[in-house]
Amino acid sequence: MTTITMTVNGKERSGKAEGRTLLVDFLRTEMGLTGTHVGCDTSQCGCCVVHVNGESVKACATFVSGMDGAEVTTIEGMANDDGSLGVMQASFKEHHGLQCGFCTPGMIMSATDLLANNPSPSEDEIRTWLKGNICRCTGYHNIVKSVQAAAATMAGAREAAE
């Protein structure tokens, strides 16, 4: 067992893990952050997407042993400081971008990374970016609408700040 220390959702956290422990299992069991889901165990579905050092990664295909010192953001870290829903979370809620909710954490994490890289994506760009995330309920239409609405909200906030 090795002690792994990382910054998770803005707070330094430590836990013990074997070298073969996956990041998703470490987050869920050692850190108690169960918002990151395990869907397929083969890195196909995207339910386990988290941000590591600002980049989207599939936590079911990432060994925690390489995460010592990393900055990790999970779906729990996407909320505002007061605990209210963050922009992307609120947009998914408002625009019905979820049904059962199982894929939603990974979709939100991937979509947030998209907007960090491309603040004004087209519908095709959104669909292409989210190809690594599988939703079995929604047909993706409202997910795309949710991402577009979040992009517009964020653009408005940037304009207001200028």
N, C-alpha and C. Protein backbone atom coordinates (compact mmCIF):
# COMPACT_ATOMS: atom_id res chain seq x y z
N MET A 1 0.85 -1.19 0.00
CA MET A 1 0.00 0.00 0.00
C MET A 1 0.89 1.25 0.00
N THR A 2 0.47 2.19 -0.80
CA THR A 2 1.18 3.46 -0.92
C THR A 2 0.24 4.59 -0.55
N THR A 3 0.76 5.61 0.07
CA THR A 3 -0.05 6.79 0.37
C THR A 3 -0.02 7.71 -0.85
N ILE A 4 -1.21 8.07 -1.29
CA ILE A 4 -1.37 8.98 -2.42
C ILE A 4 -1.95 10.28 -1.87
N THR A 5 -1.30 11.40 -2.18
CA THR A 5 -1.80 12.72 -1.78
C THR A 5 -2.09 13.50 -3.04
N MET A 6 -3.28 14.05 -3.11
CA MET A 6 -3.68 14.85 -4.26
C MET A 6 -4.63 15.94 -3.78
N THR A 7 -4.82 16.91 -4.63
CA THR A 7 -5.81 17.95 -4.36
C THR A 7 -7.08 17.51 -5.06
N VAL A 8 -8.12 17.26 -4.28
CA VAL A 8 -9.39 16.81 -4.82
C VAL A 8 -10.44 17.87 -4.54
N ASN A 9 -11.00 18.41 -5.61
CA ASN A 9 -12.01 19.47 -5.50
C ASN A 9 -11.54 20.63 -4.62
N GLY A 10 -10.25 20.96 -4.80
CA GLY A 10 -9.69 22.12 -4.11
C GLY A 10 -9.14 21.87 -2.73
N LYS A 11 -9.23 20.62 -2.23
CA LYS A 11 -8.72 20.33 -0.89
C LYS A 11 -7.69 19.21 -0.97
N GLU A 12 -6.59 19.38 -0.24
CA GLU A 12 -5.59 18.32 -0.21
C GLU A 12 -6.14 17.12 0.55
N ARG A 13 -6.02 15.96 -0.08
CA ARG A 13 -6.53 14.72 0.51
C ARG A 13 -5.48 13.63 0.34
N SER A 14 -5.44 12.69 1.26
CA SER A 14 -4.54 11.55 1.18
C SER A 14 -5.30 10.28 1.45
N GLY A 15 -4.80 9.20 0.86
CA GLY A 15 -5.38 7.89 1.10
C GLY A 15 -4.40 6.82 0.70
N LYS A 16 -4.67 5.61 1.09
CA LYS A 16 -3.79 4.49 0.78
C LYS A 16 -4.38 3.66 -0.36
N ALA A 17 -3.48 3.17 -1.22
CA ALA A 17 -3.93 2.36 -2.35
C ALA A 17 -2.83 1.43 -2.80
N GLU A 18 -3.23 0.32 -3.38
CA GLU A 18 -2.29 -0.58 -4.04
C GLU A 18 -1.96 0.02 -5.41
N GLY A 19 -0.86 -0.38 -5.98
CA GLY A 19 -0.43 0.15 -7.26
C GLY A 19 -1.43 -0.07 -8.39
N ARG A 20 -2.22 -1.12 -8.32
CA ARG A 20 -3.18 -1.44 -9.39
C ARG A 20 -4.55 -0.80 -9.18
N THR A 21 -4.71 0.00 -8.13
CA THR A 21 -6.00 0.63 -7.84
C THR A 21 -6.31 1.69 -8.90
N LEU A 22 -7.51 1.64 -9.41
CA LEU A 22 -7.94 2.61 -10.40
C LEU A 22 -8.41 3.89 -9.71
N LEU A 23 -8.23 5.00 -10.39
CA LEU A 23 -8.62 6.30 -9.84
C LEU A 23 -10.09 6.32 -9.44
N VAL A 24 -10.95 5.75 -10.27
CA VAL A 24 -12.39 5.75 -9.95
C VAL A 24 -12.66 5.02 -8.63
N ASP A 25 -11.99 3.90 -8.41
CA ASP A 25 -12.19 3.15 -7.17
C ASP A 25 -11.64 3.92 -5.97
N PHE A 26 -10.50 4.56 -6.14
CA PHE A 26 -9.90 5.37 -5.07
C PHE A 26 -10.82 6.52 -4.69
N LEU A 27 -11.36 7.22 -5.70
CA LEU A 27 -12.25 8.33 -5.42
C LEU A 27 -13.51 7.87 -4.69
N ARG A 28 -14.07 6.76 -5.13
CA ARG A 28 -15.32 6.28 -4.55
C ARG A 28 -15.12 5.68 -3.16
N THR A 29 -14.11 4.83 -3.01
CA THR A 29 -13.96 4.12 -1.74
C THR A 29 -13.10 4.86 -0.72
N GLU A 30 -11.96 5.35 -1.15
CA GLU A 30 -11.03 6.00 -0.21
C GLU A 30 -11.44 7.45 0.09
N MET A 31 -11.96 8.14 -0.92
CA MET A 31 -12.33 9.55 -0.75
C MET A 31 -13.82 9.74 -0.46
N GLY A 32 -14.64 8.72 -0.68
CA GLY A 32 -16.07 8.82 -0.42
C GLY A 32 -16.83 9.67 -1.43
N LEU A 33 -16.24 9.88 -2.61
CA LEU A 33 -16.86 10.70 -3.66
C LEU A 33 -17.53 9.78 -4.67
N THR A 34 -18.79 9.48 -4.42
CA THR A 34 -19.49 8.48 -5.23
C THR A 34 -20.20 9.06 -6.45
N GLY A 35 -20.03 10.34 -6.72
CA GLY A 35 -20.64 10.94 -7.90
C GLY A 35 -20.00 10.47 -9.19
N THR A 36 -18.74 10.07 -9.13
CA THR A 36 -18.06 9.51 -10.29
C THR A 36 -18.50 8.06 -10.40
N HIS A 37 -19.14 7.72 -11.52
CA HIS A 37 -19.74 6.40 -11.67
C HIS A 37 -18.84 5.42 -12.40
N VAL A 38 -19.05 4.15 -12.11
CA VAL A 38 -18.42 3.05 -12.84
C VAL A 38 -19.51 2.47 -13.73
N GLY A 39 -19.32 2.58 -15.03
CA GLY A 39 -20.35 2.11 -15.95
C GLY A 39 -20.00 0.83 -16.66
N CYS A 40 -18.84 0.80 -17.30
CA CYS A 40 -18.54 -0.32 -18.18
C CYS A 40 -17.27 -1.07 -17.81
N ASP A 41 -16.42 -0.48 -17.01
CA ASP A 41 -15.12 -1.05 -16.65
C ASP A 41 -14.17 -1.25 -17.83
N THR A 42 -14.49 -0.65 -18.99
CA THR A 42 -13.63 -0.80 -20.16
C THR A 42 -13.29 0.54 -20.80
N SER A 43 -13.58 1.62 -20.16
CA SER A 43 -13.37 3.00 -20.62
C SER A 43 -14.12 3.33 -21.90
N GLN A 44 -15.25 2.71 -22.10
CA GLN A 44 -16.06 2.96 -23.29
C GLN A 44 -17.20 3.94 -23.05
N CYS A 45 -17.75 3.98 -21.82
CA CYS A 45 -19.01 4.71 -21.62
C CYS A 45 -18.85 6.15 -21.16
N GLY A 46 -17.76 6.50 -20.50
CA GLY A 46 -17.53 7.87 -20.07
C GLY A 46 -18.19 8.28 -18.77
N CYS A 47 -18.85 7.36 -18.09
CA CYS A 47 -19.50 7.71 -16.81
C CYS A 47 -18.50 8.13 -15.74
N CYS A 48 -17.25 7.73 -15.92
CA CYS A 48 -16.24 7.95 -14.89
C CYS A 48 -15.35 9.15 -15.16
N VAL A 49 -15.70 10.00 -16.12
CA VAL A 49 -14.82 11.13 -16.48
C VAL A 49 -14.67 12.10 -15.30
N VAL A 50 -13.42 12.43 -15.02
CA VAL A 50 -13.05 13.46 -14.04
C VAL A 50 -11.99 14.33 -14.71
N HIS A 51 -11.63 15.42 -14.08
CA HIS A 51 -10.54 16.26 -14.59
C HIS A 51 -9.30 16.02 -13.74
N VAL A 52 -8.20 15.76 -14.41
CA VAL A 52 -6.90 15.62 -13.74
C VAL A 52 -6.00 16.70 -14.33
N ASN A 53 -5.56 17.60 -13.45
CA ASN A 53 -4.73 18.73 -13.87
C ASN A 53 -5.38 19.47 -15.04
N GLY A 54 -6.70 19.63 -14.96
CA GLY A 54 -7.44 20.40 -15.95
C GLY A 54 -7.84 19.67 -17.21
N GLU A 55 -7.53 18.40 -17.33
CA GLU A 55 -7.86 17.62 -18.53
C GLU A 55 -8.84 16.50 -18.18
N SER A 56 -9.75 16.22 -19.11
CA SER A 56 -10.67 15.09 -18.91
C SER A 56 -9.92 13.78 -19.01
N VAL A 57 -10.18 12.91 -18.06
CA VAL A 57 -9.65 11.55 -18.12
C VAL A 57 -10.73 10.57 -17.69
N LYS A 58 -10.65 9.37 -18.20
CA LYS A 58 -11.55 8.31 -17.77
C LYS A 58 -10.90 7.64 -16.56
N ALA A 59 -11.52 7.84 -15.42
CA ALA A 59 -10.95 7.39 -14.15
C ALA A 59 -10.93 5.88 -14.03
N CYS A 60 -11.70 5.17 -14.87
CA CYS A 60 -11.68 3.71 -14.81
C CYS A 60 -10.49 3.13 -15.58
N ALA A 61 -9.75 3.99 -16.27
CA ALA A 61 -8.60 3.53 -17.04
C ALA A 61 -7.32 4.23 -16.58
N THR A 62 -7.36 4.80 -15.38
CA THR A 62 -6.23 5.57 -14.86
C THR A 62 -5.83 5.00 -13.50
N PHE A 63 -4.58 4.60 -13.37
CA PHE A 63 -4.10 4.10 -12.09
C PHE A 63 -3.86 5.27 -11.13
N VAL A 64 -4.31 5.13 -9.91
CA VAL A 64 -4.14 6.19 -8.92
C VAL A 64 -2.67 6.36 -8.55
N SER A 65 -1.86 5.35 -8.75
CA SER A 65 -0.44 5.44 -8.38
C SER A 65 0.27 6.58 -9.12
N GLY A 66 -0.21 6.95 -10.29
CA GLY A 66 0.37 8.06 -11.03
C GLY A 66 -0.24 9.41 -10.71
N MET A 67 -1.11 9.45 -9.73
CA MET A 67 -1.85 10.67 -9.41
C MET A 67 -1.31 11.42 -8.21
N ASP A 68 -0.23 10.94 -7.60
CA ASP A 68 0.31 11.62 -6.44
C ASP A 68 0.69 13.05 -6.83
N GLY A 69 0.15 14.03 -6.11
CA GLY A 69 0.41 15.43 -6.39
C GLY A 69 -0.51 16.06 -7.43
N ALA A 70 -1.39 15.27 -8.01
CA ALA A 70 -2.29 15.78 -9.06
C ALA A 70 -3.41 16.62 -8.47
N GLU A 71 -4.01 17.44 -9.33
CA GLU A 71 -5.23 18.16 -9.00
C GLU A 71 -6.37 17.45 -9.70
N VAL A 72 -7.33 16.97 -8.92
CA VAL A 72 -8.45 16.20 -9.46
C VAL A 72 -9.75 16.93 -9.14
N THR A 73 -10.59 17.04 -10.15
CA THR A 73 -11.92 17.61 -9.95
C THR A 73 -12.93 16.55 -10.34
N THR A 74 -13.87 16.30 -9.44
CA THR A 74 -14.96 15.35 -9.70
C THR A 74 -16.25 16.14 -9.85
N ILE A 75 -17.32 15.45 -10.14
CA ILE A 75 -18.62 16.11 -10.28
C ILE A 75 -18.99 16.88 -9.02
N GLU A 76 -18.58 16.38 -7.86
CA GLU A 76 -18.87 17.10 -6.61
C GLU A 76 -18.18 18.46 -6.58
N GLY A 77 -17.07 18.59 -7.28
CA GLY A 77 -16.34 19.84 -7.31
C GLY A 77 -16.86 20.84 -8.34
N MET A 78 -17.91 20.49 -9.05
CA MET A 78 -18.47 21.38 -10.08
C MET A 78 -19.50 22.35 -9.51
N ALA A 79 -19.92 22.12 -8.29
CA ALA A 79 -20.90 23.01 -7.66
C ALA A 79 -20.25 24.34 -7.31
N ASN A 80 -21.06 25.35 -7.13
CA ASN A 80 -20.58 26.66 -6.67
C ASN A 80 -20.13 26.55 -5.21
N ASP A 81 -19.39 27.53 -4.76
CA ASP A 81 -18.88 27.52 -3.38
C ASP A 81 -19.98 27.43 -2.34
N ASP A 82 -21.16 27.98 -2.65
CA ASP A 82 -22.27 27.94 -1.70
C ASP A 82 -23.06 26.63 -1.77
N GLY A 83 -22.61 25.71 -2.62
CA GLY A 83 -23.28 24.41 -2.73
C GLY A 83 -24.34 24.36 -3.82
N SER A 84 -24.67 25.50 -4.41
CA SER A 84 -25.66 25.50 -5.50
C SER A 84 -25.03 24.91 -6.76
N LEU A 85 -25.88 24.53 -7.69
CA LEU A 85 -25.40 23.91 -8.92
C LEU A 85 -24.53 24.89 -9.71
N GLY A 86 -23.44 24.36 -10.27
CA GLY A 86 -22.60 25.14 -11.17
C GLY A 86 -23.33 25.37 -12.49
N VAL A 87 -22.76 26.18 -13.36
CA VAL A 87 -23.41 26.55 -14.62
C VAL A 87 -23.79 25.32 -15.45
N MET A 88 -22.86 24.42 -15.65
CA MET A 88 -23.15 23.25 -16.49
C MET A 88 -24.19 22.35 -15.82
N GLN A 89 -24.07 22.15 -14.52
CA GLN A 89 -25.05 21.33 -13.80
C GLN A 89 -26.44 21.94 -13.91
N ALA A 90 -26.55 23.23 -13.68
CA ALA A 90 -27.84 23.91 -13.75
C ALA A 90 -28.41 23.85 -15.16
N SER A 91 -27.56 23.95 -16.16
CA SER A 91 -28.01 23.89 -17.54
C SER A 91 -28.57 22.51 -17.87
N PHE A 92 -27.90 21.45 -17.40
CA PHE A 92 -28.40 20.09 -17.62
C PHE A 92 -29.77 19.93 -16.96
N LYS A 93 -29.92 20.50 -15.78
CA LYS A 93 -31.21 20.41 -15.08
C LYS A 93 -32.28 21.19 -15.83
N GLU A 94 -31.98 22.42 -16.19
CA GLU A 94 -32.97 23.30 -16.84
C GLU A 94 -33.39 22.81 -18.22
N HIS A 95 -32.46 22.23 -18.96
CA HIS A 95 -32.74 21.83 -20.34
C HIS A 95 -32.95 20.33 -20.49
N HIS A 96 -33.19 19.66 -19.39
CA HIS A 96 -33.53 18.23 -19.39
C HIS A 96 -32.46 17.39 -20.08
N GLY A 97 -31.19 17.68 -19.76
CA GLY A 97 -30.08 16.95 -20.34
C GLY A 97 -29.79 15.63 -19.64
N LEU A 98 -30.71 15.21 -18.81
CA LEU A 98 -30.53 13.94 -18.12
C LEU A 98 -31.87 13.25 -17.94
N GLN A 99 -31.84 11.95 -17.84
CA GLN A 99 -33.04 11.21 -17.49
C GLN A 99 -32.74 10.36 -16.28
N CYS A 100 -32.08 9.22 -16.47
CA CYS A 100 -31.78 8.40 -15.30
C CYS A 100 -30.65 9.01 -14.48
N GLY A 101 -29.78 9.80 -15.11
CA GLY A 101 -28.71 10.49 -14.41
C GLY A 101 -27.41 9.72 -14.29
N PHE A 102 -27.37 8.47 -14.74
CA PHE A 102 -26.17 7.68 -14.54
C PHE A 102 -24.98 8.22 -15.33
N CYS A 103 -25.21 8.64 -16.56
CA CYS A 103 -24.11 9.16 -17.39
C CYS A 103 -23.82 10.63 -17.11
N THR A 104 -24.72 11.30 -16.41
CA THR A 104 -24.67 12.75 -16.26
C THR A 104 -23.35 13.27 -15.68
N PRO A 105 -22.78 12.69 -14.63
CA PRO A 105 -21.51 13.23 -14.13
C PRO A 105 -20.42 13.25 -15.20
N GLY A 106 -20.28 12.17 -15.94
CA GLY A 106 -19.28 12.12 -17.00
C GLY A 106 -19.58 13.09 -18.13
N MET A 107 -20.85 13.22 -18.48
CA MET A 107 -21.25 14.18 -19.53
C MET A 107 -20.91 15.60 -19.10
N ILE A 108 -21.22 15.96 -17.87
CA ILE A 108 -20.96 17.30 -17.37
C ILE A 108 -19.45 17.57 -17.33
N MET A 109 -18.68 16.60 -16.88
CA MET A 109 -17.24 16.79 -16.82
C MET A 109 -16.65 16.94 -18.22
N SER A 110 -17.10 16.12 -19.16
CA SER A 110 -16.60 16.23 -20.54
C SER A 110 -17.03 17.53 -21.19
N ALA A 111 -18.29 17.92 -20.99
CA ALA A 111 -18.79 19.16 -21.58
C ALA A 111 -18.08 20.38 -21.00
N THR A 112 -17.76 20.36 -19.73
CA THR A 112 -17.03 21.46 -19.11
C THR A 112 -15.63 21.57 -19.71
N ASP A 113 -15.00 20.44 -19.95
CA ASP A 113 -13.68 20.45 -20.58
C ASP A 113 -13.79 20.99 -22.01
N LEU A 114 -14.84 20.62 -22.72
CA LEU A 114 -15.06 21.15 -24.07
C LEU A 114 -15.10 22.67 -24.05
N LEU A 115 -15.92 23.23 -23.15
CA LEU A 115 -16.06 24.69 -23.12
C LEU A 115 -14.78 25.39 -22.66
N ALA A 116 -13.95 24.70 -21.90
CA ALA A 116 -12.66 25.27 -21.53
C ALA A 116 -11.74 25.37 -22.74
N ASN A 117 -11.91 24.44 -23.67
CA ASN A 117 -11.10 24.40 -24.89
C ASN A 117 -11.73 25.16 -26.06
N ASN A 118 -13.05 25.22 -26.06
CA ASN A 118 -13.80 25.85 -27.16
C ASN A 118 -15.04 26.49 -26.55
N PRO A 119 -14.98 27.76 -26.19
CA PRO A 119 -16.08 28.41 -25.47
C PRO A 119 -17.37 28.57 -26.28
N SER A 120 -17.30 28.41 -27.59
CA SER A 120 -18.48 28.58 -28.42
C SER A 120 -18.57 27.47 -29.47
N PRO A 121 -18.77 26.23 -29.03
CA PRO A 121 -18.77 25.11 -29.98
C PRO A 121 -20.07 25.03 -30.78
N SER A 122 -19.96 24.51 -31.99
CA SER A 122 -21.14 24.23 -32.81
C SER A 122 -21.79 22.94 -32.31
N GLU A 123 -22.99 22.67 -32.79
CA GLU A 123 -23.65 21.43 -32.41
C GLU A 123 -22.80 20.22 -32.81
N ASP A 124 -22.22 20.25 -34.00
CA ASP A 124 -21.38 19.14 -34.44
C ASP A 124 -20.15 18.97 -33.56
N GLU A 125 -19.56 20.09 -33.15
CA GLU A 125 -18.39 20.02 -32.27
C GLU A 125 -18.76 19.43 -30.91
N ILE A 126 -19.93 19.79 -30.41
CA ILE A 126 -20.38 19.22 -29.13
C ILE A 126 -20.58 17.71 -29.28
N ARG A 127 -21.28 17.31 -30.31
CA ARG A 127 -21.53 15.88 -30.53
C ARG A 127 -20.23 15.09 -30.71
N THR A 128 -19.29 15.68 -31.44
CA THR A 128 -18.00 15.00 -31.65
C THR A 128 -17.25 14.87 -30.33
N TRP A 129 -17.21 15.94 -29.54
CA TRP A 129 -16.49 15.92 -28.25
C TRP A 129 -17.08 14.88 -27.31
N LEU A 130 -18.39 14.72 -27.34
CA LEU A 130 -19.06 13.82 -26.39
C LEU A 130 -19.16 12.37 -26.90
N LYS A 131 -18.51 12.05 -28.00
CA LYS A 131 -18.57 10.68 -28.53
C LYS A 131 -18.05 9.64 -27.55
N GLY A 132 -17.19 10.02 -26.65
CA GLY A 132 -16.65 9.09 -25.67
C GLY A 132 -17.56 8.89 -24.47
N ASN A 133 -18.76 9.46 -24.51
CA ASN A 133 -19.73 9.33 -23.42
C ASN A 133 -21.00 8.71 -23.98
N ILE A 134 -21.44 7.65 -23.35
CA ILE A 134 -22.65 6.97 -23.82
C ILE A 134 -23.82 7.26 -22.89
N CYS A 135 -24.94 7.64 -23.50
CA CYS A 135 -26.19 7.82 -22.77
C CYS A 135 -27.20 6.87 -23.40
N ARG A 136 -27.83 6.07 -22.58
CA ARG A 136 -28.80 5.11 -23.10
C ARG A 136 -30.24 5.61 -23.00
N CYS A 137 -30.43 6.82 -22.47
CA CYS A 137 -31.79 7.30 -22.22
C CYS A 137 -32.23 8.47 -23.09
N THR A 138 -31.35 9.45 -23.32
CA THR A 138 -31.82 10.74 -23.80
C THR A 138 -31.83 10.94 -25.30
N GLY A 139 -31.05 10.22 -26.06
CA GLY A 139 -30.94 10.52 -27.48
C GLY A 139 -30.06 11.72 -27.75
N TYR A 140 -29.44 12.29 -26.75
CA TYR A 140 -28.44 13.35 -26.82
C TYR A 140 -28.96 14.74 -27.17
N HIS A 141 -30.16 14.86 -27.72
CA HIS A 141 -30.66 16.16 -28.15
C HIS A 141 -30.62 17.18 -27.01
N ASN A 142 -31.17 16.81 -25.87
CA ASN A 142 -31.21 17.76 -24.74
C ASN A 142 -29.85 17.93 -24.07
N ILE A 143 -28.97 16.95 -24.22
CA ILE A 143 -27.61 17.11 -23.72
C ILE A 143 -26.92 18.21 -24.52
N VAL A 144 -27.06 18.16 -25.85
CA VAL A 144 -26.47 19.18 -26.71
C VAL A 144 -27.06 20.54 -26.38
N LYS A 145 -28.38 20.61 -26.21
CA LYS A 145 -29.03 21.89 -25.84
C LYS A 145 -28.48 22.40 -24.51
N SER A 146 -28.24 21.51 -23.57
CA SER A 146 -27.71 21.90 -22.27
C SER A 146 -26.32 22.51 -22.39
N VAL A 147 -25.48 21.89 -23.21
CA VAL A 147 -24.12 22.40 -23.40
C VAL A 147 -24.17 23.75 -24.11
N GLN A 148 -25.02 23.88 -25.14
CA GLN A 148 -25.15 25.16 -25.84
C GLN A 148 -25.62 26.27 -24.89
N ALA A 149 -26.58 25.95 -24.04
CA ALA A 149 -27.09 26.95 -23.09
C ALA A 149 -26.02 27.33 -22.07
N ALA A 150 -25.25 26.36 -21.59
CA ALA A 150 -24.17 26.66 -20.65
C ALA A 150 -23.13 27.54 -21.32
N ALA A 151 -22.82 27.26 -22.59
CA ALA A 151 -21.85 28.09 -23.33
C ALA A 151 -22.36 29.52 -23.43
N ALA A 152 -23.64 29.69 -23.71
CA ALA A 152 -24.22 31.04 -23.82
C ALA A 152 -24.18 31.76 -22.47
N THR A 153 -24.50 31.06 -21.40
CA THR A 153 -24.46 31.64 -20.06
C THR A 153 -23.04 32.09 -19.70
N MET A 154 -22.08 31.24 -20.00
CA MET A 154 -20.69 31.57 -19.70
C MET A 154 -20.20 32.74 -20.55
N ALA A 155 -20.63 32.78 -21.80
CA ALA A 155 -20.26 33.91 -22.68
C ALA A 155 -20.85 35.22 -22.14
N GLY A 156 -22.09 35.17 -21.68
CA GLY A 156 -22.73 36.35 -21.09
C GLY A 156 -22.00 36.82 -19.85
N ALA A 157 -21.56 35.87 -19.03
CA ALA A 157 -20.81 36.23 -17.82
C ALA A 157 -19.47 36.85 -18.17
N ARG A 158 -18.81 36.34 -19.21
CA ARG A 158 -17.54 36.93 -19.64
C ARG A 158 -17.75 38.37 -20.15
N GLU A 159 -18.81 38.56 -20.93
CA GLU A 159 -19.10 39.90 -21.45
C GLU A 159 -19.42 40.88 -20.33
N ALA A 160 -20.18 40.42 -19.34
CA ALA A 160 -20.54 41.29 -18.21
C ALA A 160 -19.30 41.67 -17.40
N ALA A 161 -18.34 40.76 -17.33
CA ALA A 161 -17.12 41.02 -16.56
C ALA A 161 -16.21 42.01 -17.27
N GLU A 162 -16.36 42.13 -18.58
CA GLU A 162 -15.48 43.04 -19.34
C GLU A 162 -15.98 44.40 -19.27
